[in-house]
């Protein structure tokens, strides 16, 4: 936390360009001294790029991650003038919110979710809160408090008695709640999916929550394009508003399949933006020996 406060001070006092010099050292450190993350990056990029990755690809992957984390300092402090945002699918977002039922924004550990604040700058009535498990919420709250104490209120922690009540009230007020659905820290039920031509497992919790509360769902990602540029994308994903209870399981499965397809698409379109620095895919089952 001390280092985070120091980095925040450097970034806000000396400027983004000066602070970004440190990012190259951070990316080089992990590239050279984090072998497990390096192997995971290579395995992912081989699939996303469709070729064996070079060292410069691995470095770019680590640097993109560092850059989006660093830019969070400015986004949380509403320094939007430092960035060039292009927005795709904003009409989709506003159309879904116009129904007044609130909206689930389901994303991934891809690019920056914080860039949604840039949409809030243009649409003052848009309220966005992140929903996450209690331990993650505690860590993120501590990090955001070090950057900007006013940002702590943007998180709804799961695991409390009143968590679902708070979530429902926020949605009923027309808010959008963000959840990341490409991994789970808990014991969520996993669903098989095909991503980048290989078998993987995705958690069903975010989609079951949306189905239980009978809300629409959109996919959201804020892709880092280099320099100060981001591309924000919104895609309609599912609408559980009118799904009957006996059709809920099938609707959740369809939503997970749609999510996997969108994740696959954006991984190929912006391969350095998915920050999976661990073994994500299911191992291929060993072939059975021929029967004699």
C-alpha atoms as a PDB file:
ATOM      1  CA  UNK A   1       0.000   0.000   0.000  1.00  0.00           C
ATOM      2  CA  UNK A   2       2.915   2.351   0.669  1.00  0.00           C
ATOM      3  CA  UNK A   3       4.303   1.734  -2.817  1.00  0.00           C
ATOM      4  CA  UNK A   4       0.857   2.264  -4.324  1.00  0.00           C
ATOM      5  CA  UNK A   5       0.539   5.623  -2.572  1.00  0.00           C
ATOM      6  CA  UNK A   6       4.033   6.592  -3.745  1.00  0.00           C
ATOM      7  CA  UNK A   7       3.199   5.609  -7.328  1.00  0.00           C
ATOM      8  CA  UNK A   8      -0.075   7.545  -7.119  1.00  0.00           C
ATOM      9  CA  UNK A   9       1.785  10.635  -5.882  1.00  0.00           C
ATOM     10  CA  UNK A  10       4.376  10.358  -8.671  1.00  0.00           C
ATOM     11  CA  UNK A  11       1.666   9.835 -11.292  1.00  0.00           C
ATOM     12  CA  UNK A  12      -0.519  12.767 -10.211  1.00  0.00           C
ATOM     13  CA  UNK A  13       2.349  15.184  -9.509  1.00  0.00           C
ATOM     14  CA  UNK A  14       4.850  14.384 -12.281  1.00  0.00           C
ATOM     15  CA  UNK A  15       2.399  13.323 -14.959  1.00  0.00           C
ATOM     16  CA  UNK A  16       1.514  10.191 -16.872  1.00  0.00           C
ATOM     17  CA  UNK A  17       4.475  10.280 -19.262  1.00  0.00           C
ATOM     18  CA  UNK A  18       7.086  10.440 -16.496  1.00  0.00           C
ATOM     19  CA  UNK A  19       5.371   7.763 -14.403  1.00  0.00           C
ATOM     20  CA  UNK A  20       5.103   5.363 -17.352  1.00  0.00           C
ATOM     21  CA  UNK A  21       8.902   5.005 -17.443  1.00  0.00           C
ATOM     22  CA  UNK A  22       8.544   2.794 -14.376  1.00  0.00           C
ATOM     23  CA  UNK A  23       6.136   0.494 -16.253  1.00  0.00           C
ATOM     24  CA  UNK A  24       8.881  -0.701 -18.579  1.00  0.00           C
ATOM     25  CA  UNK A  25      10.937  -1.786 -15.577  1.00  0.00           C
ATOM     26  CA  UNK A  26       7.927  -3.593 -14.103  1.00  0.00           C
ATOM     27  CA  UNK A  27       7.190  -5.416 -17.372  1.00  0.00           C
ATOM     28  CA  UNK A  28      10.848  -6.413 -17.742  1.00  0.00           C
ATOM     29  CA  UNK A  29      10.938  -7.650 -14.139  1.00  0.00           C
ATOM     30  CA  UNK A  30       7.994 -10.012 -14.621  1.00  0.00           C
ATOM     31  CA  UNK A  31       9.194 -11.137 -18.020  1.00  0.00           C
ATOM     32  CA  UNK A  32      12.568 -12.156 -16.603  1.00  0.00           C
ATOM     33  CA  UNK A  33      11.731 -13.243 -13.049  1.00  0.00           C
ATOM     34  CA  UNK A  34       8.207 -14.690 -13.140  1.00  0.00           C
ATOM     35  CA  UNK A  35       8.581 -17.999 -15.014  1.00  0.00           C
ATOM     36  CA  UNK A  36       5.078 -19.330 -14.267  1.00  0.00           C
ATOM     37  CA  UNK A  37       3.436 -16.154 -15.559  1.00  0.00           C
ATOM     38  CA  UNK A  38       5.767 -16.150 -18.570  1.00  0.00           C
ATOM     39  CA  UNK A  39       4.789 -19.724 -19.466  1.00  0.00           C
ATOM     40  CA  UNK A  40       1.093 -18.910 -19.122  1.00  0.00           C
ATOM     41  CA  UNK A  41       1.495 -15.803 -21.278  1.00  0.00           C
ATOM     42  CA  UNK A  42       3.271 -17.806 -23.966  1.00  0.00           C
ATOM     43  CA  UNK A  43       0.590 -20.524 -23.948  1.00  0.00           C
ATOM     44  CA  UNK A  44      -2.218 -17.973 -24.252  1.00  0.00           C
ATOM     45  CA  UNK A  45      -0.529 -15.848 -26.935  1.00  0.00           C
ATOM     46  CA  UNK A  46       0.215 -18.926 -29.032  1.00  0.00           C
ATOM     47  CA  UNK A  47      -3.529 -19.485 -29.273  1.00  0.00           C
ATOM     48  CA  UNK A  48      -4.531 -15.828 -29.673  1.00  0.00           C
ATOM     49  CA  UNK A  49      -1.869 -14.935 -32.247  1.00  0.00           C
ATOM     50  CA  UNK A  50      -2.043 -18.230 -34.135  1.00  0.00           C
ATOM     51  CA  UNK A  51       1.756 -18.523 -34.072  1.00  0.00           C
ATOM     52  CA  UNK A  52       4.566 -19.062 -31.561  1.00  0.00           C
ATOM     53  CA  UNK A  53       4.989 -15.768 -29.655  1.00  0.00           C
ATOM     54  CA  UNK A  54       8.317 -13.936 -29.623  1.00  0.00           C
ATOM     55  CA  UNK A  55       9.878 -12.354 -26.561  1.00  0.00           C
ATOM     56  CA  UNK A  56       8.596  -8.966 -27.697  1.00  0.00           C
ATOM     57  CA  UNK A  57       5.064 -10.402 -27.670  1.00  0.00           C
ATOM     58  CA  UNK A  58       5.473 -11.556 -24.078  1.00  0.00           C
ATOM     59  CA  UNK A  59       6.898  -8.173 -23.109  1.00  0.00           C
ATOM     60  CA  UNK A  60       3.980  -6.375 -24.787  1.00  0.00           C
ATOM     61  CA  UNK A  61       1.525  -8.592 -22.898  1.00  0.00           C
ATOM     62  CA  UNK A  62       3.082  -7.721 -19.525  1.00  0.00           C
ATOM     63  CA  UNK A  63       3.410  -4.050 -20.447  1.00  0.00           C
ATOM     64  CA  UNK A  64      -0.235  -3.784 -21.516  1.00  0.00           C
ATOM     65  CA  UNK A  65      -1.287  -5.186 -18.144  1.00  0.00           C
ATOM     66  CA  UNK A  66       0.965  -2.727 -16.290  1.00  0.00           C
ATOM     67  CA  UNK A  67      -0.315   0.187 -18.397  1.00  0.00           C
ATOM     68  CA  UNK A  68      -3.990  -0.506 -17.675  1.00  0.00           C
ATOM     69  CA  UNK A  69      -3.321  -0.855 -13.939  1.00  0.00           C
ATOM     70  CA  UNK A  70      -1.382   2.413 -13.953  1.00  0.00           C
ATOM     71  CA  UNK A  71      -4.089   4.259 -15.894  1.00  0.00           C
ATOM     72  CA  UNK A  72      -6.555   3.265 -13.192  1.00  0.00           C
ATOM     73  CA  UNK A  73      -4.961   5.962 -11.036  1.00  0.00           C
ATOM     74  CA  UNK A  74      -6.070   8.635 -13.505  1.00  0.00           C
ATOM     75  CA  UNK A  75      -9.461   7.106 -14.270  1.00  0.00           C
ATOM     76  CA  UNK A  76     -10.391   6.768 -10.597  1.00  0.00           C
ATOM     77  CA  UNK A  77      -9.396  10.420 -10.152  1.00  0.00           C
ATOM     78  CA  UNK A  78     -11.495  11.406 -13.200  1.00  0.00           C
ATOM     79  CA  UNK A  79      -8.563  12.654 -15.278  1.00  0.00           C
ATOM     80  CA  UNK A  80     -10.381  11.707 -18.464  1.00  0.00           C
ATOM     81  CA  UNK A  81      -8.805  14.523 -20.473  1.00  0.00           C
ATOM     82  CA  UNK A  82      -5.580  12.507 -20.599  1.00  0.00           C
ATOM     83  CA  UNK A  83      -7.159   9.805 -22.779  1.00  0.00           C
ATOM     84  CA  UNK A  84      -8.614   9.307 -26.216  1.00  0.00           C
ATOM     85  CA  UNK A  85     -11.679   7.053 -25.957  1.00  0.00           C
ATOM     86  CA  UNK A  86     -13.547   5.542 -28.865  1.00  0.00           C
ATOM     87  CA  UNK A  87     -16.879   3.974 -27.944  1.00  0.00           C
ATOM     88  CA  UNK A  88     -18.629   1.182 -29.849  1.00  0.00           C
ATOM     89  CA  UNK A  89     -22.147   0.049 -28.970  1.00  0.00           C
ATOM     90  CA  UNK A  90     -23.068   2.980 -26.762  1.00  0.00           C
ATOM     91  CA  UNK A  91     -26.574   2.930 -28.270  1.00  0.00           C
ATOM     92  CA  UNK A  92     -26.842  -0.715 -27.160  1.00  0.00           C
ATOM     93  CA  UNK A  93     -25.914   0.262 -23.607  1.00  0.00           C
ATOM     94  CA  UNK A  94     -28.310   3.195 -23.413  1.00  0.00           C
ATOM     95  CA  UNK A  95     -31.115   1.224 -25.052  1.00  0.00           C
ATOM     96  CA  UNK A  96     -30.873  -1.525 -22.443  1.00  0.00           C
ATOM     97  CA  UNK A  97     -30.762   1.002 -19.606  1.00  0.00           C
ATOM     98  CA  UNK A  98     -33.779   2.866 -21.003  1.00  0.00           C
ATOM     99  CA  UNK A  99     -36.048   0.020 -19.860  1.00  0.00           C
ATOM    100  CA  UNK A 100     -35.402   1.131 -16.275  1.00  0.00           C
ATOM    101  CA  UNK A 101     -34.560  -2.356 -14.973  1.00  0.00           C
ATOM    102  CA  UNK A 102     -30.875  -1.758 -14.488  1.00  0.00           C
ATOM    103  CA  UNK A 103     -28.259  -3.779 -16.305  1.00  0.00           C
ATOM    104  CA  UNK A 104     -25.531  -6.341 -15.708  1.00  0.00           C
ATOM    105  CA  UNK A 105     -22.267  -5.431 -17.454  1.00  0.00           C
ATOM    106  CA  UNK A 106     -20.338  -8.687 -17.685  1.00  0.00           C
ATOM    107  CA  UNK A 107     -16.683  -8.393 -18.580  1.00  0.00           C
ATOM    108  CA  UNK A 108     -13.402 -10.245 -18.241  1.00  0.00           C
ATOM    109  CA  UNK A 109      -9.898  -9.585 -16.975  1.00  0.00           C
ATOM    110  CA  UNK A 110      -9.375  -7.872 -20.311  1.00  0.00           C
ATOM    111  CA  UNK A 111      -8.243  -4.298 -20.834  1.00  0.00           C
ATOM    112  CA  UNK A 112      -9.642  -1.887 -18.271  1.00  0.00           C
ATOM    113  CA  UNK A 113     -13.089  -1.977 -16.682  1.00  0.00           C
ATOM    114  CA  UNK A 114     -12.373   1.432 -15.159  1.00  0.00           C
ATOM    115  CA  UNK A 115     -12.865   3.109 -18.550  1.00  0.00           C
ATOM    116  CA  UNK A 116     -16.623   2.763 -17.978  1.00  0.00           C
ATOM    117  CA  UNK A 117     -16.136   5.913 -15.902  1.00  0.00           C
ATOM    118  CA  UNK A 118     -15.564   7.745 -19.183  1.00  0.00           C
ATOM    119  CA  UNK A 119     -19.113   6.841 -20.243  1.00  0.00           C
ATOM    120  CA  UNK A 120     -20.357   8.118 -16.898  1.00  0.00           C
ATOM    121  CA  UNK A 121     -18.710  11.450 -17.621  1.00  0.00           C
ATOM    122  CA  UNK A 122     -20.853  11.850 -20.764  1.00  0.00           C
ATOM    123  CA  UNK A 123     -24.003  10.432 -19.145  1.00  0.00           C
ATOM    124  CA  UNK A 124     -24.252  11.860 -15.656  1.00  0.00           C
ATOM    125  CA  UNK A 125     -27.219   9.636 -14.779  1.00  0.00           C
ATOM    126  CA  UNK A 126     -25.239   6.425 -15.377  1.00  0.00           C
ATOM    127  CA  UNK A 127     -24.315   4.786 -12.069  1.00  0.00           C
ATOM    128  CA  UNK A 128     -21.934   1.813 -12.162  1.00  0.00           C
ATOM    129  CA  UNK A 129     -20.886  -0.462  -9.292  1.00  0.00           C
ATOM    130  CA  UNK A 130     -18.622  -3.488  -9.363  1.00  0.00           C
ATOM    131  CA  UNK A 131     -19.899  -6.693  -7.747  1.00  0.00           C
ATOM    132  CA  UNK A 132     -17.314  -9.129  -6.399  1.00  0.00           C
ATOM    133  CA  UNK A 133     -16.631 -11.638  -3.658  1.00  0.00           C
ATOM    134  CA  UNK A 134     -16.015 -10.288  -0.186  1.00  0.00           C
ATOM    135  CA  UNK A 135     -12.248 -10.855   0.007  1.00  0.00           C
ATOM    136  CA  UNK A 136     -11.644  -9.353  -3.426  1.00  0.00           C
ATOM    137  CA  UNK A 137     -13.872  -6.417  -2.490  1.00  0.00           C
ATOM    138  CA  UNK A 138     -11.809  -5.785   0.639  1.00  0.00           C
ATOM    139  CA  UNK A 139      -8.553  -5.724  -1.349  1.00  0.00           C
ATOM    140  CA  UNK A 140      -9.943  -3.547  -4.132  1.00  0.00           C
ATOM    141  CA  UNK A 141     -11.506  -1.159  -1.627  1.00  0.00           C
ATOM    142  CA  UNK A 142      -8.138  -0.753   0.090  1.00  0.00           C
ATOM    143  CA  UNK A 143      -6.427  -0.124  -3.242  1.00  0.00           C
ATOM    144  CA  UNK A 144      -9.034   2.406  -4.394  1.00  0.00           C
ATOM    145  CA  UNK A 145      -8.915   4.172  -1.030  1.00  0.00           C
ATOM    146  CA  UNK A 146      -5.187   4.712  -1.551  1.00  0.00           C
ATOM    147  CA  UNK A 147      -5.882   6.239  -4.970  1.00  0.00           C
ATOM    148  CA  UNK A 148      -9.103   8.113  -4.217  1.00  0.00           C
ATOM    149  CA  UNK A 149     -11.188   7.518  -1.039  1.00  0.00           C
ATOM    150  CA  UNK A 150     -14.391   8.559  -2.821  1.00  0.00           C
ATOM    151  CA  UNK A 151     -14.153   5.541  -5.154  1.00  0.00           C
ATOM    152  CA  UNK A 152     -14.754   2.968  -2.392  1.00  0.00           C
ATOM    153  CA  UNK A 153     -18.536   3.305  -2.641  1.00  0.00           C
ATOM    154  CA  UNK A 154     -18.515   1.845  -6.174  1.00  0.00           C
ATOM    155  CA  UNK A 155     -18.238  -1.780  -4.932  1.00  0.00           C
ATOM    156  CA  UNK A 156     -20.966  -4.171  -3.755  1.00  0.00           C
ATOM    157  CA  UNK A 157     -19.454  -7.108  -1.867  1.00  0.00           C
ATOM    158  CA  UNK A 158     -21.085 -10.534  -2.114  1.00  0.00           C
ATOM    159  CA  UNK A 159     -21.278 -12.804   0.907  1.00  0.00           C
ATOM    160  CA  UNK A 160     -23.167 -10.467   3.239  1.00  0.00           C
ATOM    161  CA  UNK A 161     -26.726 -11.129   4.406  1.00  0.00           C
ATOM    162  CA  UNK A 162     -27.969  -8.040   2.617  1.00  0.00           C
ATOM    163  CA  UNK A 163     -25.817  -8.377  -0.534  1.00  0.00           C
ATOM    164  CA  UNK A 164     -28.647  -9.436  -2.853  1.00  0.00           C
ATOM    165  CA  UNK A 165     -30.938  -6.782  -1.397  1.00  0.00           C
ATOM    166  CA  UNK A 166     -28.365  -4.050  -2.056  1.00  0.00           C
ATOM    167  CA  UNK A 167     -27.814  -5.407  -5.555  1.00  0.00           C
ATOM    168  CA  UNK A 168     -31.547  -5.449  -6.325  1.00  0.00           C
ATOM    169  CA  UNK A 169     -32.008  -1.911  -4.981  1.00  0.00           C
ATOM    170  CA  UNK A 170     -29.129  -0.611  -7.073  1.00  0.00           C
ATOM    171  CA  UNK A 171     -30.574  -2.211 -10.221  1.00  0.00           C
ATOM    172  CA  UNK A 172     -34.089  -1.012  -9.463  1.00  0.00           C
ATOM    173  CA  UNK A 173     -32.695   2.527  -9.330  1.00  0.00           C
ATOM    174  CA  UNK A 174     -31.487   2.064 -12.928  1.00  0.00           C
ATOM    175  CA  UNK A 175     -27.841   1.357 -12.132  1.00  0.00           C
ATOM    176  CA  UNK A 176     -25.435  -0.899 -14.006  1.00  0.00           C
ATOM    177  CA  UNK A 177     -23.484  -3.535 -12.080  1.00  0.00           C
ATOM    178  CA  UNK A 178     -20.235  -4.937 -13.396  1.00  0.00           C
ATOM    179  CA  UNK A 179     -19.068  -8.514 -12.896  1.00  0.00           C
ATOM    180  CA  UNK A 180     -16.090 -10.390 -14.330  1.00  0.00           C
ATOM    181  CA  UNK A 181     -16.979 -13.860 -15.586  1.00  0.00           C
ATOM    182  CA  UNK A 182     -13.762 -15.399 -16.898  1.00  0.00           C
ATOM    183  CA  UNK A 183     -12.656 -16.936 -13.594  1.00  0.00           C
ATOM    184  CA  UNK A 184     -13.888 -17.630 -10.094  1.00  0.00           C
ATOM    185  CA  UNK A 185     -12.100 -17.463  -6.730  1.00  0.00           C
ATOM    186  CA  UNK A 186     -14.714 -19.641  -5.041  1.00  0.00           C
ATOM    187  CA  UNK A 187     -16.571 -22.915  -5.542  1.00  0.00           C
ATOM    188  CA  UNK A 188     -18.840 -21.759  -8.344  1.00  0.00           C
ATOM    189  CA  UNK A 189     -20.241 -24.344 -10.738  1.00  0.00           C
ATOM    190  CA  UNK A 190     -18.110 -24.396 -13.874  1.00  0.00           C
ATOM    191  CA  UNK A 191     -19.454 -24.759 -17.406  1.00  0.00           C
ATOM    192  CA  UNK A 192     -17.436 -26.123 -20.355  1.00  0.00           C
ATOM    193  CA  UNK A 193     -16.716 -23.668 -23.172  1.00  0.00           C
ATOM    194  CA  UNK A 194     -14.563 -23.398 -26.275  1.00  0.00           C
ATOM    195  CA  UNK A 195     -12.208 -20.410 -26.253  1.00  0.00           C
ATOM    196  CA  UNK A 196      -9.458 -19.964 -28.836  1.00  0.00           C
ATOM    197  CA  UNK A 197      -9.995 -23.486 -30.098  1.00  0.00           C
ATOM    198  CA  UNK A 198      -9.486 -25.241 -26.770  1.00  0.00           C
ATOM    199  CA  UNK A 199     -11.616 -26.475 -23.870  1.00  0.00           C
ATOM    200  CA  UNK A 200     -12.002 -24.222 -20.853  1.00  0.00           C
ATOM    201  CA  UNK A 201     -14.345 -23.840 -17.878  1.00  0.00           C
ATOM    202  CA  UNK A 202     -16.316 -20.684 -17.125  1.00  0.00           C
ATOM    203  CA  UNK A 203     -18.214 -19.855 -13.926  1.00  0.00           C
ATOM    204  CA  UNK A 204     -21.984 -19.644 -14.138  1.00  0.00           C
ATOM    205  CA  UNK A 205     -22.472 -17.450 -11.052  1.00  0.00           C
ATOM    206  CA  UNK A 206     -22.678 -14.039 -12.773  1.00  0.00           C
ATOM    207  CA  UNK A 207     -25.284 -15.276 -15.243  1.00  0.00           C
ATOM    208  CA  UNK A 208     -27.323 -17.153 -12.627  1.00  0.00           C
ATOM    209  CA  UNK A 209     -27.411 -13.949 -10.556  1.00  0.00           C
ATOM    210  CA  UNK A 210     -28.680 -11.970 -13.551  1.00  0.00           C
ATOM    211  CA  UNK A 211     -31.256 -14.689 -14.282  1.00  0.00           C
ATOM    212  CA  UNK A 212     -32.415 -14.807 -10.653  1.00  0.00           C
ATOM    213  CA  UNK A 213     -32.929 -11.025 -10.642  1.00  0.00           C
ATOM    214  CA  UNK A 214     -34.467 -11.142 -14.162  1.00  0.00           C
ATOM    215  CA  UNK A 215     -32.222  -8.474 -15.716  1.00  0.00           C
ATOM    216  CA  UNK A 216     -30.647  -7.801 -19.117  1.00  0.00           C
ATOM    217  CA  UNK A 217     -26.934  -8.461 -19.599  1.00  0.00           C
ATOM    218  CA  UNK A 218     -24.387  -6.763 -21.850  1.00  0.00           C
ATOM    219  CA  UNK A 219     -20.746  -7.650 -22.505  1.00  0.00           C
ATOM    220  CA  UNK A 220     -18.330  -4.803 -21.853  1.00  0.00           C
ATOM    221  CA  UNK A 221     -14.609  -4.428 -22.476  1.00  0.00           C
ATOM    222  CA  UNK A 222     -12.237  -1.448 -22.549  1.00  0.00           C
ATOM    223  CA  UNK A 223      -9.337  -2.418 -24.806  1.00  0.00           C
ATOM    224  CA  UNK A 224      -5.993  -0.649 -24.474  1.00  0.00           C
ATOM    225  CA  UNK A 225      -4.732   0.384 -27.916  1.00  0.00           C
ATOM    226  CA  UNK A 226      -1.397   1.865 -26.882  1.00  0.00           C
ATOM    227  CA  UNK A 227      -0.364   5.384 -25.918  1.00  0.00           C
ATOM    228  CA  UNK A 228      -3.386   7.073 -24.386  1.00  0.00           C
ATOM    229  CA  UNK A 229      -6.001   5.308 -26.535  1.00  0.00           C
ATOM    230  CA  UNK A 230      -8.785   2.959 -25.439  1.00  0.00           C
ATOM    231  CA  UNK A 231     -11.630   1.330 -27.375  1.00  0.00           C
ATOM    232  CA  UNK A 232     -14.758   0.671 -25.294  1.00  0.00           C
ATOM    233  CA  UNK A 233     -17.132  -1.997 -26.617  1.00  0.00           C
ATOM    234  CA  UNK A 234     -20.660  -2.922 -25.535  1.00  0.00           C
ATOM    235  CA  UNK A 235     -22.438  -5.988 -26.965  1.00  0.00           C
ATOM    236  CA  UNK A 236     -25.884  -7.294 -26.099  1.00  0.00           C
ATOM    237  CA  UNK A 237     -25.428 -10.673 -24.418  1.00  0.00           C
ATOM    238  CA  UNK A 238     -28.668 -11.915 -22.820  1.00  0.00           C
ATOM    239  CA  UNK A 239     -31.992 -10.710 -21.441  1.00  0.00           C
ATOM    240  CA  UNK A 240     -33.425 -12.674 -18.535  1.00  0.00           C
ATOM    241  CA  UNK A 241     -36.308 -10.234 -17.964  1.00  0.00           C
ATOM    242  CA  UNK A 242     -38.986 -12.548 -19.338  1.00  0.00           C
ATOM    243  CA  UNK A 243     -37.334 -15.968 -18.929  1.00  0.00           C
ATOM    244  CA  UNK A 244     -39.594 -18.453 -17.129  1.00  0.00           C
ATOM    245  CA  UNK A 245     -38.146 -20.365 -14.184  1.00  0.00           C
ATOM    246  CA  UNK A 246     -38.222 -23.712 -16.003  1.00  0.00           C
ATOM    247  CA  UNK A 247     -36.242 -22.162 -18.882  1.00  0.00           C
ATOM    248  CA  UNK A 248     -33.659 -20.457 -16.693  1.00  0.00           C
ATOM    249  CA  UNK A 249     -30.967 -23.169 -16.870  1.00  0.00           C
ATOM    250  CA  UNK A 250     -31.101 -23.293 -20.663  1.00  0.00           C
ATOM    251  CA  UNK A 251     -30.970 -19.482 -20.848  1.00  0.00           C
ATOM    252  CA  UNK A 252     -27.915 -19.406 -18.563  1.00  0.00           C
ATOM    253  CA  UNK A 253     -26.154 -22.005 -20.730  1.00  0.00           C
ATOM    254  CA  UNK A 254     -26.920 -19.959 -23.852  1.00  0.00           C
ATOM    255  CA  UNK A 255     -25.583 -16.804 -22.166  1.00  0.00           C
ATOM    256  CA  UNK A 256     -22.333 -18.549 -21.201  1.00  0.00           C
ATOM    257  CA  UNK A 257     -21.890 -19.765 -24.787  1.00  0.00           C
ATOM    258  CA  UNK A 258     -22.485 -16.222 -26.081  1.00  0.00           C
ATOM    259  CA  UNK A 259     -20.015 -14.850 -23.523  1.00  0.00           C
ATOM    260  CA  UNK A 260     -17.370 -17.385 -24.577  1.00  0.00           C
ATOM    261  CA  UNK A 261     -17.852 -16.407 -28.240  1.00  0.00           C
ATOM    262  CA  UNK A 262     -17.445 -12.698 -27.446  1.00  0.00           C
ATOM    263  CA  UNK A 263     -14.392 -13.383 -25.299  1.00  0.00           C
ATOM    264  CA  UNK A 264     -12.885 -15.425 -28.143  1.00  0.00           C
ATOM    265  CA  UNK A 265     -13.591 -12.590 -30.610  1.00  0.00           C
ATOM    266  CA  UNK A 266     -11.934  -9.877 -28.544  1.00  0.00           C
ATOM    267  CA  UNK A 267      -8.962 -12.068 -27.637  1.00  0.00           C
ATOM    268  CA  UNK A 268      -8.238 -12.435 -31.344  1.00  0.00           C
ATOM    269  CA  UNK A 269      -8.921  -8.762 -32.065  1.00  0.00           C
ATOM    270  CA  UNK A 270      -6.745  -7.439 -29.206  1.00  0.00           C
ATOM    271  CA  UNK A 271      -4.603 -10.390 -28.045  1.00  0.00           C
ATOM    272  CA  UNK A 272      -2.410  -8.494 -25.576  1.00  0.00           C
ATOM    273  CA  UNK A 273      -5.413  -7.324 -23.551  1.00  0.00           C
ATOM    274  CA  UNK A 274      -6.511 -10.564 -21.858  1.00  0.00           C
ATOM    275  CA  UNK A 275      -4.550 -10.821 -18.624  1.00  0.00           C
ATOM    276  CA  UNK A 276      -4.557 -14.536 -17.959  1.00  0.00           C
ATOM    277  CA  UNK A 277      -1.148 -15.143 -16.423  1.00  0.00           C
ATOM    278  CA  UNK A 278      -2.015 -18.648 -15.237  1.00  0.00           C
ATOM    279  CA  UNK A 279      -2.945 -21.994 -16.810  1.00  0.00           C
ATOM    280  CA  UNK A 280      -6.482 -21.285 -17.964  1.00  0.00           C
ATOM    281  CA  UNK A 281      -7.352 -24.159 -20.281  1.00  0.00           C
ATOM    282  CA  UNK A 282      -8.359 -27.639 -19.245  1.00  0.00           C
ATOM    283  CA  UNK A 283      -5.609 -30.184 -19.903  1.00  0.00           C
ATOM    284  CA  UNK A 284      -6.239 -32.429 -22.859  1.00  0.00           C
ATOM    285  CA  UNK A 285      -7.188 -35.935 -21.610  1.00  0.00           C
ATOM    286  CA  UNK A 286      -4.498 -38.488 -22.170  1.00  0.00           C
ATOM    287  CA  UNK A 287      -5.229 -40.881 -24.990  1.00  0.00           C
ATOM    288  CA  UNK A 288      -6.295 -44.348 -23.846  1.00  0.00           C
ATOM    289  CA  UNK A 289      -3.952 -47.158 -24.890  1.00  0.00           C
ATOM    290  CA  UNK A 290      -5.340 -49.375 -27.630  1.00  0.00           C
ATOM    291  CA  UNK A 291      -7.178 -52.431 -26.400  1.00  0.00           C
ATOM    292  CA  UNK A 292      -5.438 -55.677 -27.159  1.00  0.00           C
END
